[in-house]
N, C-alpha and C. Protein backbone atom coordinates (compact mmCIF):
# COMPACT_ATOMS: atom_id res chain seq x y z
N MET A 1 -2.90 109.03 -61.96
CA MET A 1 -4.64 109.00 -62.26
C MET A 1 -4.99 107.14 -61.70
N ALA A 2 -4.18 105.67 -62.03
CA ALA A 2 -4.49 104.84 -61.75
C ALA A 2 -4.40 105.03 -60.39
N GLY A 3 -3.60 105.57 -59.57
CA GLY A 3 -3.19 105.76 -58.16
C GLY A 3 -4.82 105.77 -57.16
N ASN A 4 -4.83 107.62 -57.78
CA ASN A 4 -5.92 107.76 -57.28
C ASN A 4 -7.23 106.82 -58.45
N GLY A 5 -7.28 105.94 -58.81
CA GLY A 5 -8.42 105.63 -59.05
C GLY A 5 -8.52 104.51 -58.26
N ALA A 6 -7.30 103.85 -57.54
CA ALA A 6 -7.18 103.24 -56.38
C ALA A 6 -7.99 103.19 -54.81
N ILE A 7 -7.14 104.54 -54.61
CA ILE A 7 -7.76 105.30 -53.49
C ILE A 7 -9.01 105.39 -53.95
N ALA A 8 -9.82 105.61 -54.97
CA ALA A 8 -11.18 106.36 -55.11
C ALA A 8 -11.99 105.16 -54.33
N GLY A 9 -11.59 103.99 -55.72
CA GLY A 9 -12.73 102.65 -55.83
C GLY A 9 -12.73 102.48 -53.12
N LEU A 10 -11.66 102.67 -53.02
CA LEU A 10 -11.38 102.32 -51.51
C LEU A 10 -11.97 103.56 -50.20
N VAL A 11 -11.92 104.69 -51.15
CA VAL A 11 -12.49 105.84 -50.61
C VAL A 11 -14.48 105.64 -50.80
N ALA A 12 -14.51 105.22 -52.26
CA ALA A 12 -15.88 104.65 -52.27
C ALA A 12 -16.55 104.13 -50.90
N ILE A 13 -16.47 102.72 -50.94
CA ILE A 13 -16.60 101.84 -49.98
C ILE A 13 -16.12 101.20 -48.78
N THR A 14 -16.43 102.94 -47.96
CA THR A 14 -16.00 102.86 -46.89
C THR A 14 -16.96 103.00 -46.46
N ALA A 15 -17.99 103.81 -47.21
CA ALA A 15 -18.86 103.87 -45.94
C ALA A 15 -20.18 102.99 -46.01
N PRO A 16 -20.15 102.56 -47.09
CA PRO A 16 -20.73 101.04 -47.44
C PRO A 16 -21.15 99.89 -47.07
N ALA A 17 -19.32 99.61 -46.81
CA ALA A 17 -19.38 98.48 -47.03
C ALA A 17 -19.77 97.42 -45.83
N GLY A 18 -20.87 97.95 -44.61
CA GLY A 18 -21.63 97.44 -44.47
C GLY A 18 -22.77 96.69 -44.47
N PHE A 19 -23.37 97.75 -45.64
CA PHE A 19 -24.48 97.69 -45.47
C PHE A 19 -25.36 96.51 -47.07
N VAL A 20 -23.82 97.21 -47.78
CA VAL A 20 -23.67 96.18 -49.45
C VAL A 20 -23.07 95.08 -49.67
N GLU A 21 -24.58 94.20 -50.27
CA GLU A 21 -23.65 92.78 -50.67
C GLU A 21 -22.30 92.70 -51.25
N TYR A 22 -21.97 91.55 -50.95
CA TYR A 22 -20.49 91.63 -51.71
C TYR A 22 -20.70 91.92 -53.46
N TRP A 23 -20.89 91.79 -54.43
CA TRP A 23 -21.46 91.83 -56.18
C TRP A 23 -21.24 93.78 -56.19
N ALA A 24 -22.38 94.85 -54.78
CA ALA A 24 -22.41 95.71 -55.68
C ALA A 24 -20.39 96.47 -54.85
N ALA A 25 -20.06 96.10 -54.44
CA ALA A 25 -18.97 96.73 -53.82
C ALA A 25 -17.20 96.87 -55.29
N PRO A 26 -17.19 96.22 -55.71
CA PRO A 26 -16.56 96.34 -56.71
C PRO A 26 -17.98 98.04 -57.70
N ILE A 27 -18.75 97.22 -58.25
CA ILE A 27 -19.14 98.56 -59.05
C ILE A 27 -18.92 99.50 -58.29
N ILE A 28 -19.29 100.03 -57.21
CA ILE A 28 -18.56 101.61 -55.89
C ILE A 28 -17.29 101.62 -57.06
N GLY A 29 -16.56 100.88 -56.41
CA GLY A 29 -15.10 100.32 -56.43
C GLY A 29 -14.63 101.79 -57.69
N VAL A 30 -15.97 100.43 -58.59
CA VAL A 30 -15.21 101.14 -59.79
C VAL A 30 -15.77 102.17 -60.48
N LEU A 31 -17.35 102.37 -60.09
CA LEU A 31 -18.05 103.56 -60.43
C LEU A 31 -16.99 104.93 -59.63
N ALA A 32 -16.62 104.44 -58.99
CA ALA A 32 -15.25 105.59 -58.09
C ALA A 32 -14.51 106.17 -58.85
N GLY A 33 -13.29 104.44 -59.46
CA GLY A 33 -12.49 105.25 -60.31
C GLY A 33 -12.48 105.95 -61.87
N VAL A 34 -13.72 105.19 -62.32
CA VAL A 34 -13.63 106.30 -63.34
C VAL A 34 -13.90 107.98 -63.19
N LEU A 35 -15.01 107.90 -61.89
CA LEU A 35 -15.25 109.67 -61.20
C LEU A 35 -14.42 110.40 -61.48
N VAL A 36 -13.41 109.49 -60.29
CA VAL A 36 -12.17 110.51 -59.76
C VAL A 36 -11.35 110.99 -61.35
N VAL A 37 -11.39 110.01 -62.30
CA VAL A 37 -10.36 110.75 -63.38
C VAL A 37 -10.94 112.50 -64.24
N PHE A 38 -12.19 112.07 -64.09
CA PHE A 38 -13.06 113.20 -64.83
C PHE A 38 -13.20 114.70 -63.33
N ALA A 39 -12.92 113.89 -62.61
CA ALA A 39 -13.41 114.72 -61.78
C ALA A 39 -11.53 115.86 -61.42
N VAL A 40 -11.22 114.61 -61.20
CA VAL A 40 -9.44 115.40 -61.10
C VAL A 40 -9.42 116.80 -62.38
N LEU A 41 -9.81 116.12 -63.84
CA LEU A 41 -9.54 116.67 -65.11
C LEU A 41 -10.16 118.20 -64.52
N ALA A 42 -11.47 118.17 -64.18
CA ALA A 42 -13.01 118.88 -63.90
C ALA A 42 -11.73 119.98 -63.01
N ILE A 43 -11.66 119.68 -61.52
CA ILE A 43 -11.17 120.99 -60.63
C ILE A 43 -10.02 120.86 -60.98
N ASP A 44 -9.14 120.35 -61.69
CA ASP A 44 -7.91 120.83 -61.58
C ASP A 44 -7.53 122.94 -61.88
N LYS A 45 -9.44 122.82 -63.37
CA LYS A 45 -9.33 123.42 -63.42
C LYS A 45 -9.68 124.71 -62.81
N LYS A 46 -9.85 124.97 -61.73
CA LYS A 46 -10.71 125.69 -60.70
C LYS A 46 -9.86 126.01 -60.01
N VAL A 47 -9.16 124.79 -59.47
CA VAL A 47 -8.12 124.90 -57.69
C VAL A 47 -7.36 124.58 -58.30
N ASP A 48 -6.20 124.58 -57.05
CA ASP A 48 -4.65 123.75 -57.08
C ASP A 48 -4.88 122.76 -56.08
N ASP A 49 -4.63 121.83 -57.16
CA ASP A 49 -4.92 120.34 -55.90
C ASP A 49 -3.99 119.60 -56.84
N PRO A 50 -3.05 119.30 -56.94
CA PRO A 50 -1.96 118.94 -57.45
C PRO A 50 -2.19 117.04 -57.26
N VAL A 51 -2.37 116.80 -56.04
CA VAL A 51 -2.74 115.44 -56.11
C VAL A 51 -3.48 115.10 -56.35
N GLY A 52 -4.65 115.18 -56.74
CA GLY A 52 -6.54 115.49 -56.85
C GLY A 52 -6.57 114.39 -55.90
N ALA A 53 -6.84 115.59 -54.59
CA ALA A 53 -7.22 114.83 -52.84
C ALA A 53 -8.61 115.12 -52.80
N LEU A 54 -9.03 116.60 -53.89
CA LEU A 54 -10.10 117.16 -53.68
C LEU A 54 -11.40 115.61 -54.52
N SER A 55 -11.06 115.50 -55.43
CA SER A 55 -11.28 113.61 -56.27
C SER A 55 -10.85 113.01 -55.49
N ALA A 56 -10.27 112.64 -55.26
CA ALA A 56 -9.91 110.52 -54.76
C ALA A 56 -10.69 110.99 -53.29
N HIS A 57 -9.97 112.19 -52.75
CA HIS A 57 -11.07 111.62 -51.17
C HIS A 57 -12.28 112.47 -50.64
N GLY A 58 -12.47 113.37 -51.76
CA GLY A 58 -13.64 114.64 -51.13
C GLY A 58 -15.28 113.20 -52.17
N LEU A 59 -15.00 113.90 -53.65
CA LEU A 59 -15.87 113.10 -54.49
C LEU A 59 -15.80 111.29 -54.52
N ALA A 60 -15.31 111.10 -54.34
CA ALA A 60 -15.09 109.94 -54.22
C ALA A 60 -15.66 109.21 -52.61
N GLY A 61 -15.75 110.03 -51.73
CA GLY A 61 -16.33 109.72 -50.34
C GLY A 61 -18.14 110.86 -50.67
N ILE A 62 -17.79 111.69 -51.70
CA ILE A 62 -19.11 111.56 -51.77
C ILE A 62 -19.81 110.46 -52.55
N TRP A 63 -19.69 109.81 -53.06
CA TRP A 63 -20.06 108.59 -53.89
C TRP A 63 -20.72 107.99 -53.59
N GLY A 64 -19.39 107.27 -52.31
CA GLY A 64 -19.71 106.22 -51.25
C GLY A 64 -20.74 106.45 -50.60
N THR A 65 -20.89 107.35 -50.05
CA THR A 65 -22.27 107.39 -49.04
C THR A 65 -23.08 107.71 -49.75
N LEU A 66 -23.61 108.36 -51.16
CA LEU A 66 -24.80 108.10 -51.80
C LEU A 66 -24.36 106.54 -52.06
N ALA A 67 -23.81 106.10 -52.83
CA ALA A 67 -24.32 104.84 -52.82
C ALA A 67 -25.08 103.67 -51.90
N VAL A 68 -24.26 104.10 -50.81
CA VAL A 68 -25.34 103.64 -49.81
C VAL A 68 -27.41 103.77 -50.30
N GLY A 69 -27.76 104.96 -50.59
CA GLY A 69 -29.31 105.15 -50.76
C GLY A 69 -28.75 104.00 -52.07
N ILE A 70 -28.12 103.98 -53.08
CA ILE A 70 -28.85 103.33 -54.10
C ILE A 70 -28.58 101.47 -53.75
N PHE A 71 -27.07 101.27 -52.72
CA PHE A 71 -26.92 99.61 -52.88
C PHE A 71 -27.54 99.18 -51.75
N ALA A 72 -27.51 99.93 -50.79
CA ALA A 72 -27.56 98.65 -49.41
C ALA A 72 -28.77 97.80 -49.22
N SER A 73 -28.52 96.61 -48.51
CA SER A 73 -29.02 95.17 -48.28
C SER A 73 -30.31 95.66 -47.74
N PRO A 74 -31.52 94.64 -47.86
CA PRO A 74 -32.32 95.12 -46.75
C PRO A 74 -31.77 94.12 -46.03
N ARG A 75 -31.07 92.39 -45.96
CA ARG A 75 -30.66 91.89 -44.99
C ARG A 75 -29.86 92.03 -44.35
N LEU A 76 -28.59 93.56 -44.63
CA LEU A 76 -27.98 94.26 -43.98
C LEU A 76 -28.18 95.77 -42.91
N ILE A 77 -29.33 96.12 -43.45
CA ILE A 77 -29.46 97.67 -42.96
C ILE A 77 -29.75 97.29 -41.57
N SER A 78 -30.09 98.60 -40.91
CA SER A 78 -30.48 98.06 -39.36
C SER A 78 -32.15 98.27 -39.01
N GLU A 79 -32.99 97.49 -38.50
CA GLU A 79 -34.56 97.51 -38.66
C GLU A 79 -34.61 99.06 -38.34
N GLY A 80 -35.57 99.59 -39.92
CA GLY A 80 -36.18 100.57 -39.70
C GLY A 80 -35.81 101.21 -40.42
N ALA A 81 -34.65 101.05 -40.65
CA ALA A 81 -33.70 101.77 -42.04
C ALA A 81 -34.10 101.27 -43.26
N GLY A 82 -34.66 102.41 -44.83
CA GLY A 82 -34.93 101.86 -45.94
C GLY A 82 -33.72 101.09 -47.08
N PRO A 83 -33.58 100.80 -47.19
CA PRO A 83 -32.80 99.27 -48.75
C PRO A 83 -32.78 100.78 -49.27
N GLY A 84 -31.29 100.35 -50.09
CA GLY A 84 -31.17 100.85 -51.55
C GLY A 84 -32.55 100.94 -52.51
N ILE A 85 -32.10 102.32 -53.17
CA ILE A 85 -32.74 102.20 -54.27
C ILE A 85 -32.78 100.60 -55.14
N TRP A 86 -31.54 100.68 -55.04
CA TRP A 86 -31.64 99.24 -56.26
C TRP A 86 -32.36 98.13 -55.94
N TYR A 87 -32.88 98.22 -54.29
CA TYR A 87 -33.42 96.70 -54.15
C TYR A 87 -35.51 97.58 -54.21
N GLY A 88 -35.17 98.46 -53.99
CA GLY A 88 -36.88 99.30 -55.04
C GLY A 88 -37.55 98.61 -55.80
N ILE A 89 -36.03 99.14 -57.21
CA ILE A 89 -36.39 98.74 -57.94
C ILE A 89 -36.61 97.57 -58.56
N PHE A 90 -35.84 96.25 -58.30
CA PHE A 90 -35.43 95.11 -58.82
C PHE A 90 -36.01 94.33 -57.26
N GLY A 91 -36.72 94.65 -56.11
CA GLY A 91 -36.49 93.66 -55.16
C GLY A 91 -37.92 94.21 -54.66
N ASP A 92 -38.20 93.47 -52.96
CA ASP A 92 -39.67 93.67 -53.13
C ASP A 92 -39.41 95.01 -52.29
N ALA A 93 -38.82 95.93 -51.72
CA ALA A 93 -39.14 96.76 -50.99
C ALA A 93 -39.49 98.23 -51.69
N SER A 94 -39.88 99.13 -50.97
CA SER A 94 -41.43 99.34 -51.82
C SER A 94 -40.08 101.02 -52.26
N LEU A 95 -40.52 101.47 -53.00
CA LEU A 95 -39.95 102.26 -53.55
C LEU A 95 -39.59 104.34 -52.43
N SER A 96 -40.47 104.31 -52.10
CA SER A 96 -40.44 105.36 -50.88
C SER A 96 -39.39 105.18 -50.16
N SER A 97 -39.47 103.62 -49.58
CA SER A 97 -38.44 104.01 -48.07
C SER A 97 -37.46 104.08 -48.68
N ALA A 98 -37.02 103.46 -50.21
CA ALA A 98 -35.55 103.67 -50.53
C ALA A 98 -34.56 104.65 -50.90
N PHE A 99 -36.02 105.92 -52.16
CA PHE A 99 -35.42 107.18 -52.11
C PHE A 99 -35.27 106.94 -50.52
N GLY A 100 -36.06 107.15 -49.75
CA GLY A 100 -36.32 107.92 -48.24
C GLY A 100 -34.44 107.75 -47.81
N GLN A 101 -33.69 106.49 -47.70
CA GLN A 101 -32.12 105.86 -47.66
C GLN A 101 -31.49 106.78 -48.72
N LEU A 102 -31.42 106.92 -50.29
CA LEU A 102 -31.31 107.87 -50.93
C LEU A 102 -31.39 109.73 -50.51
N GLY A 103 -32.21 110.05 -49.66
CA GLY A 103 -32.40 111.18 -49.36
C GLY A 103 -31.59 111.33 -48.05
N VAL A 104 -31.57 110.43 -46.73
CA VAL A 104 -31.12 110.56 -45.79
C VAL A 104 -29.57 110.57 -46.01
N GLN A 105 -29.02 109.98 -47.50
CA GLN A 105 -27.24 110.12 -47.29
C GLN A 105 -27.61 110.95 -48.04
N ALA A 106 -28.45 111.83 -49.04
CA ALA A 106 -27.95 113.01 -49.31
C ALA A 106 -28.04 114.41 -48.60
N LEU A 107 -28.69 113.86 -47.50
CA LEU A 107 -28.30 115.10 -46.57
C LEU A 107 -27.82 115.60 -45.95
N ALA A 108 -26.83 113.78 -45.87
CA ALA A 108 -25.62 113.80 -45.19
C ALA A 108 -24.60 114.02 -45.46
N VAL A 109 -25.06 113.72 -46.53
CA VAL A 109 -23.62 114.33 -47.51
C VAL A 109 -23.54 116.48 -47.42
N VAL A 110 -25.19 116.51 -47.25
CA VAL A 110 -24.65 118.35 -48.29
C VAL A 110 -24.26 118.76 -46.13
N PHE A 111 -24.92 118.06 -45.18
CA PHE A 111 -24.27 118.94 -43.70
C PHE A 111 -22.87 118.68 -43.47
N THR A 112 -22.35 117.61 -44.32
CA THR A 112 -21.29 117.22 -43.61
C THR A 112 -19.88 117.77 -44.45
N PHE A 113 -21.27 118.03 -45.69
CA PHE A 113 -19.78 119.75 -46.51
C PHE A 113 -19.91 121.01 -45.94
N VAL A 114 -21.71 121.54 -45.67
CA VAL A 114 -21.48 122.87 -44.81
C VAL A 114 -20.47 122.38 -43.78
N VAL A 115 -20.77 121.16 -43.03
CA VAL A 115 -20.03 121.43 -41.40
C VAL A 115 -17.93 122.14 -42.15
N VAL A 116 -17.85 120.89 -42.64
CA VAL A 116 -16.46 120.84 -43.23
C VAL A 116 -16.22 122.38 -43.64
N LEU A 117 -17.19 123.01 -44.77
CA LEU A 117 -16.59 124.14 -44.97
C LEU A 117 -15.97 124.59 -44.15
N ALA A 118 -16.70 125.03 -42.78
CA ALA A 118 -17.16 126.50 -42.07
C ALA A 118 -16.32 126.42 -41.20
N ILE A 119 -15.44 124.79 -40.65
CA ILE A 119 -14.35 124.87 -39.75
C ILE A 119 -13.71 125.19 -40.36
N SER A 120 -13.39 124.74 -41.57
CA SER A 120 -12.01 125.44 -43.03
C SER A 120 -11.40 126.41 -43.14
N LEU A 121 -13.28 126.76 -43.24
CA LEU A 121 -12.59 128.97 -43.85
C LEU A 121 -12.24 128.64 -42.42
N ILE A 122 -12.65 128.76 -41.03
CA ILE A 122 -12.54 130.03 -40.29
C ILE A 122 -10.57 129.18 -39.88
N THR A 123 -10.65 127.84 -39.36
CA THR A 123 -8.90 127.32 -39.43
C THR A 123 -8.13 127.68 -40.58
N PHE A 124 -8.38 128.40 -42.00
CA PHE A 124 -7.60 128.86 -42.69
C PHE A 124 -7.51 130.31 -42.63
N PHE A 125 -9.02 130.56 -41.96
CA PHE A 125 -8.04 132.68 -41.54
C PHE A 125 -7.59 132.52 -40.36
N GLY A 126 -7.64 131.66 -39.44
CA GLY A 126 -6.89 132.20 -38.26
C GLY A 126 -5.49 131.96 -38.27
N ILE A 127 -5.05 130.73 -39.59
CA ILE A 127 -3.89 130.44 -39.94
C ILE A 127 -3.21 131.60 -40.93
N LYS A 128 -4.20 132.43 -41.14
CA LYS A 128 -3.82 133.42 -42.24
C LYS A 128 -3.46 134.92 -41.43
N LYS A 129 -4.19 135.14 -40.83
CA LYS A 129 -4.08 136.26 -39.49
C LYS A 129 -2.34 135.62 -38.29
N THR A 130 -1.73 134.55 -38.07
CA THR A 130 -1.40 134.45 -37.01
C THR A 130 0.37 134.08 -38.61
N ILE A 131 -0.30 133.07 -38.60
CA ILE A 131 1.33 133.20 -39.72
C ILE A 131 1.42 133.43 -40.91
N GLY A 132 0.49 133.04 -41.62
CA GLY A 132 0.45 133.46 -42.78
C GLY A 132 -0.06 131.88 -43.82
N LEU A 133 -0.49 131.84 -45.19
CA LEU A 133 -0.55 130.74 -45.45
C LEU A 133 -0.17 130.37 -46.61
N ARG A 134 0.75 131.30 -47.22
CA ARG A 134 1.79 131.20 -48.12
C ARG A 134 3.57 130.88 -48.52
N VAL A 135 4.09 130.97 -48.68
CA VAL A 135 5.35 131.50 -48.89
C VAL A 135 6.11 132.24 -49.80
N PRO A 136 6.43 132.52 -49.52
CA PRO A 136 7.35 133.99 -50.21
C PRO A 136 7.34 133.77 -52.08
N ALA A 137 7.46 133.46 -53.52
CA ALA A 137 6.80 133.73 -54.29
C ALA A 137 8.47 133.38 -54.93
N GLU A 138 10.08 133.83 -53.95
CA GLU A 138 11.08 132.86 -54.88
C GLU A 138 10.93 131.27 -54.30
N GLU A 139 11.27 131.22 -53.27
CA GLU A 139 10.56 129.95 -52.48
C GLU A 139 10.52 129.37 -53.23
N GLU A 140 8.89 129.37 -52.71
CA GLU A 140 7.92 128.57 -54.45
C GLU A 140 7.71 128.20 -55.44
N GLU A 141 8.76 129.00 -56.25
CA GLU A 141 9.30 129.35 -58.24
C GLU A 141 10.52 128.23 -57.49
N ALA A 142 10.94 128.14 -56.56
CA ALA A 142 12.08 127.11 -55.91
C ALA A 142 11.56 125.41 -55.58
N GLY A 143 10.59 125.51 -54.60
CA GLY A 143 10.18 124.47 -55.09
C GLY A 143 10.19 124.24 -52.87
N LEU A 144 9.40 124.00 -52.56
CA LEU A 144 10.05 123.30 -50.86
C LEU A 144 10.66 122.82 -50.17
N ASP A 145 10.90 121.88 -51.16
CA ASP A 145 11.80 120.73 -50.32
C ASP A 145 13.65 121.67 -50.47
N ILE A 146 14.12 122.01 -51.93
CA ILE A 146 15.18 123.40 -51.60
C ILE A 146 14.61 124.05 -50.35
N SER A 147 13.95 125.16 -50.37
CA SER A 147 13.99 126.76 -49.75
C SER A 147 13.74 126.21 -48.24
N SER A 148 12.81 125.25 -47.67
CA SER A 148 12.71 123.94 -46.29
C SER A 148 13.44 123.42 -46.19
N HIS A 149 13.84 122.42 -46.69
CA HIS A 149 15.61 121.14 -46.52
C HIS A 149 15.82 120.90 -46.64
N GLY A 150 16.83 122.46 -47.39
CA GLY A 150 18.43 122.27 -48.90
C GLY A 150 18.05 121.47 -49.27
N MET A 151 17.79 120.63 -49.21
CA MET A 151 17.47 118.76 -50.33
C MET A 151 16.65 118.91 -51.90
N TYR A 152 16.73 118.68 -52.13
CA TYR A 152 15.45 117.72 -53.40
C TYR A 152 14.29 116.98 -52.99
N GLY A 153 13.38 117.00 -52.89
CA GLY A 153 12.66 116.00 -53.06
C GLY A 153 12.26 114.74 -54.07
N TYR A 154 12.89 115.37 -55.37
CA TYR A 154 13.00 113.90 -57.02
C TYR A 154 14.55 114.29 -56.48
N PRO A 155 14.42 113.72 -57.37
CA PRO A 155 16.24 112.88 -58.30
C PRO A 155 16.23 114.59 -58.68
N GLU A 156 17.50 115.53 -59.21
CA GLU A 156 18.12 116.11 -59.20
C GLU A 156 18.38 116.15 -61.31
N ALA A 157 18.10 115.04 -61.76
CA ALA A 157 17.88 115.33 -63.58
C ALA A 157 16.12 116.37 -63.60
N PHE A 158 15.01 116.41 -62.50
CA PHE A 158 13.70 116.49 -62.94
C PHE A 158 13.79 117.89 -62.64
N ILE A 159 15.07 118.64 -61.35
CA ILE A 159 15.11 119.73 -60.94
C ILE A 159 15.60 120.71 -61.80
N PRO A 160 15.01 121.62 -62.63
CA PRO A 160 15.66 122.74 -63.42
C PRO A 160 17.14 123.63 -62.39
N GLN A 161 17.40 124.23 -63.51
CA GLN A 161 19.08 124.63 -62.40
C GLN A 161 18.59 126.25 -63.10
N PRO A 162 18.99 126.78 -62.07
CA PRO A 162 19.34 126.88 -60.60
C PRO A 162 18.40 127.12 -60.13
N GLU A 163 17.65 126.93 -58.74
CA GLU A 163 17.11 127.27 -58.43
C GLU A 163 17.00 128.46 -57.72
N TYR A 164 17.36 129.08 -56.52
CA TYR A 164 17.87 130.35 -57.03
C TYR A 164 18.66 131.05 -57.93
N SER A 165 18.33 132.39 -58.14
CA SER A 165 19.35 133.46 -58.84
C SER A 165 21.02 133.82 -58.29
N THR A 166 21.07 133.45 -56.77
CA THR A 166 21.59 134.51 -56.21
C THR A 166 22.11 133.15 -54.86
N GLY A 167 21.46 131.29 -54.89
CA GLY A 167 21.70 130.41 -53.68
C GLY A 167 20.42 130.52 -53.25
N LEU A 168 20.70 130.18 -51.97
CA LEU A 168 19.31 130.32 -51.36
C LEU A 168 19.38 131.29 -50.22
N PRO A 169 17.99 131.58 -49.98
CA PRO A 169 17.06 132.67 -49.38
C PRO A 169 18.37 132.71 -48.01
N GLU A 170 18.08 133.73 -47.02
CA GLU A 170 18.65 133.99 -46.12
C GLU A 170 16.45 133.58 -45.37
N LEU A 171 16.81 132.58 -44.85
CA LEU A 171 15.63 132.37 -43.75
C LEU A 171 15.57 132.75 -42.03
N THR A 172 15.54 133.64 -42.15
CA THR A 172 16.39 134.05 -40.62
C THR A 172 14.43 134.22 -40.03
N GLN A 173 14.03 133.99 -40.58
CA GLN A 173 11.74 133.85 -39.93
C GLN A 173 11.73 132.49 -39.04
N ARG A 174 11.95 131.80 -40.23
CA ARG A 174 12.75 129.45 -39.67
C ARG A 174 12.98 129.34 -39.35
N GLY A 175 14.87 129.92 -39.09
CA GLY A 175 15.48 129.15 -38.74
C GLY A 175 17.35 129.87 -39.29
N PRO A 176 17.82 128.79 -39.08
CA PRO A 176 19.53 128.88 -40.37
C PRO A 176 18.83 129.01 -40.81
N ALA A 177 19.52 129.06 -42.60
CA ALA A 177 19.38 128.35 -43.65
C ALA A 177 20.07 127.75 -44.39
N PRO A 178 19.18 126.23 -44.74
CA PRO A 178 19.88 125.11 -44.72
C PRO A 178 20.81 124.98 -45.98
N ALA A 179 22.19 123.85 -45.43
CA ALA A 179 23.54 123.66 -46.22
C ALA A 179 23.11 123.63 -48.22
N VAL A 180 23.94 124.57 -48.32
CA VAL A 180 23.52 124.21 -50.10
C VAL A 180 23.76 122.82 -50.84
N VAL A 181 22.78 122.31 -51.63
CA VAL A 181 22.90 121.28 -52.90
C VAL A 181 23.97 121.37 -53.53
N THR A 182 24.85 120.16 -53.84
CA THR A 182 24.86 120.44 -55.36
C THR A 182 24.99 119.40 -55.84
N PRO A 183 24.26 119.63 -56.68
CA PRO A 183 23.86 118.10 -57.60
C PRO A 183 24.08 117.30 -57.32
N MET A 184 24.29 116.31 -57.83
CA MET A 184 24.98 114.98 -58.07
C MET A 184 25.09 114.24 -59.86
N THR A 185 26.74 113.93 -59.40
CA THR A 185 26.82 114.00 -61.91
C THR A 185 27.92 112.67 -61.05
N ALA A 186 27.51 112.02 -62.52
CA ALA A 186 28.39 110.52 -61.87
C ALA A 186 29.65 110.74 -62.27
N PRO A 187 30.16 109.47 -62.84
CA PRO A 187 31.85 109.90 -62.06
C PRO A 187 31.68 109.55 -63.81
N GLU A 188 32.71 110.03 -64.32
CA GLU A 188 33.27 109.79 -65.74
C GLU A 188 34.00 108.44 -65.52
N THR A 189 33.95 107.38 -66.71
CA THR A 189 34.76 106.16 -66.45
C THR A 189 35.99 107.00 -68.02
N SER A 190 36.62 105.72 -67.70
CA SER A 190 37.05 105.31 -69.66
C SER A 190 37.52 104.71 -70.16
């Protein structure tokens, strides 16, 4: 979670980096770090996202984009663009232009979501119809590190034994079967 919090903070400040004052960056990053914790817990209940990528990149990116509409500085924005609502409330900018900026950012989030969703659905449909999206259940249960590469991706102490009751599966569709891996044991000392 700490790693995801750091990633979320960096992702969130990416969109507004050129448009916010230095004092707003830590606020945006810290809020993203807190948001990612709750988002990971909520999203994991509905979607299989073992590393929290949807939260750390998706939701933190959405927050960062919206943060432009909240903290965009009149000094740093392009001519004709509205500042963030912070300056409409605490500065001398008009609230209508400030809310306009937030609206533009929200519209960009919605448009990006729709485009990415459509492209993803088309891409995954094509993959599913051609080479398939899932591995066999036995390979999934054993772990793809063993099934595909013939070796552990993590220290053997964390892998329950045996991965397969009958040894490694025949991988005729994907090439030769990987070499059998035997767990390392510490030498006995006297």
